[in-house]
Amino acid sequence: MADIEQEKARQLIGRIVNATSLSVTEIARKAGLSPSTLTRIYPESTVNYTLSTRTLAKIRTAFPIAEDGDVMGRVADQRQAFAPQPAPSLSVYVLGPLDDPSVGEQLSVPAEFELYSADLEDIKIKQTTQFELREKDRFVAAYMPGDAMEPRFRAGEMVLIDKVRPASIGGDVFVELTSGEGPAVVTIAKLTERDRNQITLLQHRYKAEINIHRSRVENIYPIVALFEDRF
């Protein structure tokens, strides 16, 4: 039985490697694990060693693409003759610094907590060879404009946002706030609490936390993947 579970864990890591083109060390870092935890199992398994249920849960949380049929790594079919195909496209939100400081003051946002400005109607289109999106309207990406979510996400890295899946407590989220006319006000943070009246968001680097009343939240979407920008 241990050998079967060991092989399943090795195949899981292999699917993530194929889908993201990340190294095993990078996968471990993004899942909050020691690199040696995964190198013992991949690419060659160590005898009598497999990943614990808790470790597997961390990997699946960090990389839902591993078993989610909506986002797939592109895998060449060796049985078919090669034919050039256009790279799939991905919509990207362009986030920038918040020009109106009064918004943060209205929300009682601490100075360390980052809010961003975004024109959500002005969506850029990028070509990607990393993912094939079966439901293009469901997913959108955004570059991290700041360092508030380090070490989870670094400035300049791209995150994938799912506009259909409900956001979960403890997960990373993209939040659009009600802002009236003009560019939208958004943020990226960890959703730590939620009730009928408010949500609580945490940004990692400075341990900055805010409570936002539900009336100020337009949309809240989960972040389901992090990947390198190789466009």
Protein backbone atom coordinates (compact mmCIF):
# COMPACT_ATOMS: atom_id res chain seq x y z
CA MET A 1 0.00 0.00 0.00
CA ALA A 2 2.86 2.38 0.86
CA ASP A 3 4.37 1.85 -2.60
CA ILE A 4 1.04 2.74 -4.25
CA GLU A 5 0.68 5.94 -2.21
CA GLN A 6 4.31 6.80 -2.92
CA GLU A 7 3.72 6.50 -6.67
CA LYS A 8 0.54 8.62 -6.48
CA ALA A 9 2.45 11.37 -4.68
CA ARG A 10 5.26 11.23 -7.24
CA GLN A 11 2.75 11.49 -10.10
CA LEU A 12 1.09 14.48 -8.41
CA ILE A 13 4.40 16.36 -8.32
CA GLY A 14 5.06 15.34 -11.92
CA ARG A 15 1.75 16.84 -13.04
CA ILE A 16 2.60 20.13 -11.34
CA VAL A 17 6.06 20.20 -12.93
CA ASN A 18 4.55 19.59 -16.37
CA ALA A 19 1.79 22.17 -15.90
CA THR A 20 3.89 25.00 -14.45
CA SER A 21 7.47 24.34 -15.66
CA LEU A 22 8.61 25.05 -12.10
CA SER A 23 11.45 23.14 -10.48
CA VAL A 24 10.76 20.85 -7.53
CA THR A 25 12.51 23.37 -5.27
CA GLU A 26 10.25 26.20 -6.50
CA ILE A 27 7.16 24.03 -6.01
CA ALA A 28 8.22 23.25 -2.44
CA ARG A 29 8.81 26.95 -1.67
CA LYS A 30 5.43 28.02 -3.00
CA ALA A 31 3.74 25.26 -0.98
CA GLY A 32 5.58 26.25 2.20
CA LEU A 33 7.65 23.05 2.34
CA SER A 34 11.32 22.17 2.61
CA PRO A 35 12.74 21.26 -0.85
CA SER A 36 14.07 17.97 0.55
CA THR A 37 10.49 16.93 1.34
CA LEU A 38 9.77 16.71 -2.39
CA THR A 39 13.19 15.70 -3.72
CA ARG A 40 12.90 12.49 -1.68
CA ILE A 41 9.88 11.53 -3.75
CA TYR A 42 10.60 13.13 -7.14
CA PRO A 43 11.90 12.42 -9.73
CA GLU A 44 12.98 9.15 -8.07
CA SER A 45 11.28 7.89 -4.91
CA THR A 46 13.21 7.04 -1.76
CA VAL A 47 12.42 3.56 -0.42
CA ASN A 48 9.81 3.49 2.37
CA TYR A 49 9.12 7.21 2.14
CA THR A 50 5.96 8.97 1.03
CA LEU A 51 4.30 12.33 1.64
CA SER A 52 2.01 12.81 4.62
CA THR A 53 -1.64 13.76 4.22
CA ARG A 54 -0.84 17.22 5.60
CA THR A 55 1.97 17.73 3.09
CA LEU A 56 -0.25 16.65 0.20
CA ALA A 57 -2.93 19.08 1.37
CA LYS A 58 -0.41 21.94 1.30
CA ILE A 59 0.63 21.04 -2.24
CA ARG A 60 -2.96 20.83 -3.48
CA THR A 61 -3.81 24.15 -1.84
CA ALA A 62 -0.86 25.89 -3.49
CA PHE A 63 -1.40 24.17 -6.85
CA PRO A 64 -5.10 23.43 -7.46
CA ILE A 65 -4.16 23.10 -11.13
CA ALA A 66 -2.73 19.67 -10.27
CA GLU A 67 -6.18 18.10 -10.20
CA ASP A 68 -8.49 20.83 -11.49
CA GLY A 69 -9.71 20.06 -15.00
CA ASP A 70 -10.33 23.75 -15.73
CA VAL A 71 -6.64 24.62 -15.94
CA MET A 72 -4.30 22.17 -17.64
CA GLY A 73 -0.63 22.09 -18.50
CA ARG A 74 -0.16 21.73 -22.24
CA VAL A 75 1.08 18.22 -23.00
CA ALA A 76 2.21 17.26 -26.50
CA ASP A 77 0.56 14.18 -27.99
CA GLN A 78 3.46 12.11 -29.30
CA ARG A 79 1.15 10.06 -31.53
CA GLN A 80 0.22 13.04 -33.71
CA ALA A 81 2.33 14.84 -36.27
CA PHE A 82 3.46 18.27 -35.09
CA ALA A 83 1.39 21.17 -36.36
CA PRO A 84 1.94 24.76 -35.16
CA GLN A 85 -0.96 26.01 -33.06
CA PRO A 86 -1.66 29.56 -31.90
CA ALA A 87 -0.77 30.07 -28.25
CA PRO A 88 -3.84 30.34 -25.99
CA SER A 89 -4.64 33.81 -24.73
CA LEU A 90 -5.14 35.02 -21.19
CA SER A 91 -6.87 38.20 -20.01
CA VAL A 92 -4.80 40.31 -17.61
CA TYR A 93 -5.88 43.06 -15.22
CA VAL A 94 -3.44 45.97 -15.07
CA LEU A 95 -2.99 47.07 -11.45
CA GLY A 96 -1.25 50.25 -10.37
CA PRO A 97 -0.74 52.52 -7.36
CA LEU A 98 -3.82 54.06 -5.78
CA ASP A 99 -3.88 57.75 -6.65
CA ASP A 100 -6.66 58.76 -4.25
CA PRO A 101 -5.47 58.40 -0.62
CA SER A 102 -8.93 59.30 0.68
CA VAL A 103 -10.14 55.78 -0.18
CA GLY A 104 -7.72 54.25 2.30
CA GLU A 105 -8.69 56.82 4.91
CA GLN A 106 -12.39 56.00 4.49
CA LEU A 107 -11.65 52.32 5.07
CA SER A 108 -9.27 53.01 8.00
CA VAL A 109 -6.55 51.13 6.15
CA PRO A 110 -3.13 51.11 7.85
CA ALA A 111 -0.30 52.64 5.85
CA GLU A 112 1.35 49.23 5.38
CA PHE A 113 -1.73 47.69 3.72
CA GLU A 114 -1.60 48.00 -0.07
CA LEU A 115 -4.61 49.02 -2.15
CA TYR A 116 -4.35 49.26 -5.94
CA SER A 117 -6.07 51.09 -8.75
CA ALA A 118 -7.35 49.09 -11.73
CA ASP A 119 -9.40 49.77 -14.83
CA LEU A 120 -11.20 46.42 -14.97
CA GLU A 121 -12.68 47.29 -18.36
CA ASP A 122 -9.24 47.81 -19.90
CA ILE A 123 -8.14 44.18 -20.03
CA LYS A 124 -4.87 43.29 -21.71
CA ILE A 125 -4.48 40.08 -23.67
CA LYS A 126 -1.36 37.96 -23.28
CA GLN A 127 -0.33 34.81 -25.09
CA THR A 128 0.78 31.96 -22.85
CA THR A 129 2.24 28.53 -23.43
CA GLN A 130 1.94 27.49 -19.78
CA PHE A 131 -1.80 26.91 -19.51
CA GLU A 132 -4.68 26.01 -21.71
CA LEU A 133 -7.82 27.61 -20.31
CA ARG A 134 -10.98 25.75 -21.21
CA GLU A 135 -13.25 28.49 -19.85
CA LYS A 136 -11.58 31.74 -20.87
CA ASP A 137 -14.25 33.97 -19.35
CA ARG A 138 -13.81 32.27 -15.99
CA PHE A 139 -10.13 33.11 -15.46
CA VAL A 140 -8.16 36.33 -15.47
CA ALA A 141 -4.61 37.11 -14.37
CA ALA A 142 -2.92 40.03 -12.64
CA TYR A 143 0.67 41.02 -11.96
CA MET A 144 1.51 41.64 -8.31
CA PRO A 145 2.20 45.40 -8.26
CA GLY A 146 3.74 45.48 -4.78
CA ASP A 147 5.55 43.43 -2.16
CA ALA A 148 2.84 43.31 0.53
CA MET A 149 2.19 39.58 0.00
CA GLU A 150 5.81 38.43 0.19
CA PRO A 151 6.98 35.73 0.59
CA ARG A 152 3.75 34.18 -0.71
CA PHE A 153 3.71 36.33 -3.87
CA ARG A 154 6.51 38.61 -5.00
CA ALA A 155 6.20 41.89 -6.87
CA GLY A 156 6.06 41.22 -10.60
CA GLU A 157 4.80 37.65 -10.31
CA MET A 158 1.53 36.78 -11.99
CA VAL A 159 -1.45 35.24 -10.19
CA LEU A 160 -4.42 33.47 -11.75
CA ILE A 161 -7.88 34.52 -10.54
CA ASP A 162 -10.97 32.30 -10.71
CA LYS A 163 -14.15 34.38 -11.16
CA VAL A 164 -16.48 31.42 -10.55
CA ARG A 165 -15.11 29.40 -7.62
CA PRO A 166 -16.15 30.73 -4.17
CA ALA A 167 -13.38 32.18 -2.01
CA SER A 168 -12.42 30.14 1.06
CA ILE A 169 -11.28 31.21 4.51
CA GLY A 170 -7.49 30.95 4.67
CA GLY A 171 -7.09 31.36 0.91
CA ASP A 172 -5.52 34.14 -1.13
CA VAL A 173 -8.06 36.43 -2.77
CA PHE A 174 -8.48 39.27 -5.24
CA VAL A 175 -10.94 41.80 -3.79
CA GLU A 176 -12.72 44.52 -5.75
CA LEU A 177 -14.08 47.32 -3.56
CA THR A 178 -16.98 49.63 -4.32
CA SER A 179 -15.47 52.90 -5.46
CA GLY A 180 -18.08 54.79 -7.48
CA GLU A 181 -16.91 56.35 -10.72
CA GLY A 182 -13.40 56.04 -12.11
CA PRO A 183 -10.89 53.21 -11.76
CA ALA A 184 -11.74 50.34 -9.45
CA VAL A 185 -10.02 49.96 -6.09
CA VAL A 186 -8.70 46.43 -5.55
CA THR A 187 -6.38 44.53 -3.27
CA ILE A 188 -4.75 41.11 -3.00
CA ALA A 189 -4.59 39.50 0.43
CA LYS A 190 -5.33 36.42 2.52
CA LEU A 191 -8.97 36.03 3.60
CA THR A 192 -8.73 35.26 7.31
CA GLU A 193 -12.32 35.78 8.48
CA ARG A 194 -15.75 36.40 7.00
CA ASP A 195 -19.23 36.86 8.45
CA ARG A 196 -22.48 38.54 7.46
CA ASN A 197 -21.13 42.01 8.22
CA GLN A 198 -17.48 42.12 7.23
CA ILE A 199 -14.43 40.37 5.86
CA THR A 200 -10.94 40.39 7.36
CA LEU A 201 -7.89 40.54 5.09
CA LEU A 202 -4.21 40.01 5.90
CA GLN A 203 -1.15 40.95 3.86
CA HIS A 204 1.87 38.90 4.87
CA ARG A 205 4.99 41.05 4.68
CA TYR A 206 4.03 43.68 7.24
CA LYS A 207 1.33 41.61 8.99
CA ALA A 208 -1.12 44.35 8.00
CA GLU A 209 -4.76 43.43 8.62
CA ILE A 210 -8.00 45.25 7.84
CA ASN A 211 -11.72 44.70 8.36
CA ILE A 212 -13.95 45.75 5.47
CA HIS A 213 -17.72 46.03 5.73
CA ARG A 214 -19.62 43.89 3.25
CA SER A 215 -21.24 46.98 1.75
CA ARG A 216 -17.79 48.06 0.49
CA VAL A 217 -17.02 44.73 -1.21
CA GLU A 218 -18.04 44.48 -4.86
CA ASN A 219 -16.44 41.11 -5.66
CA ILE A 220 -14.10 38.65 -3.98
CA TYR A 221 -12.39 35.99 -6.09
CA PRO A 222 -9.94 33.23 -5.09
CA ILE A 223 -6.41 33.15 -6.47
CA VAL A 224 -5.92 29.60 -7.74
CA ALA A 225 -2.40 29.59 -9.18
CA LEU A 226 0.90 31.42 -9.29
CA PHE A 227 3.12 31.09 -12.32
CA GLU A 228 6.13 32.64 -13.95
CA ASP A 229 5.59 35.25 -16.63
CA ARG A 230 7.15 33.74 -19.74
CA PHE A 231 5.07 35.57 -22.32
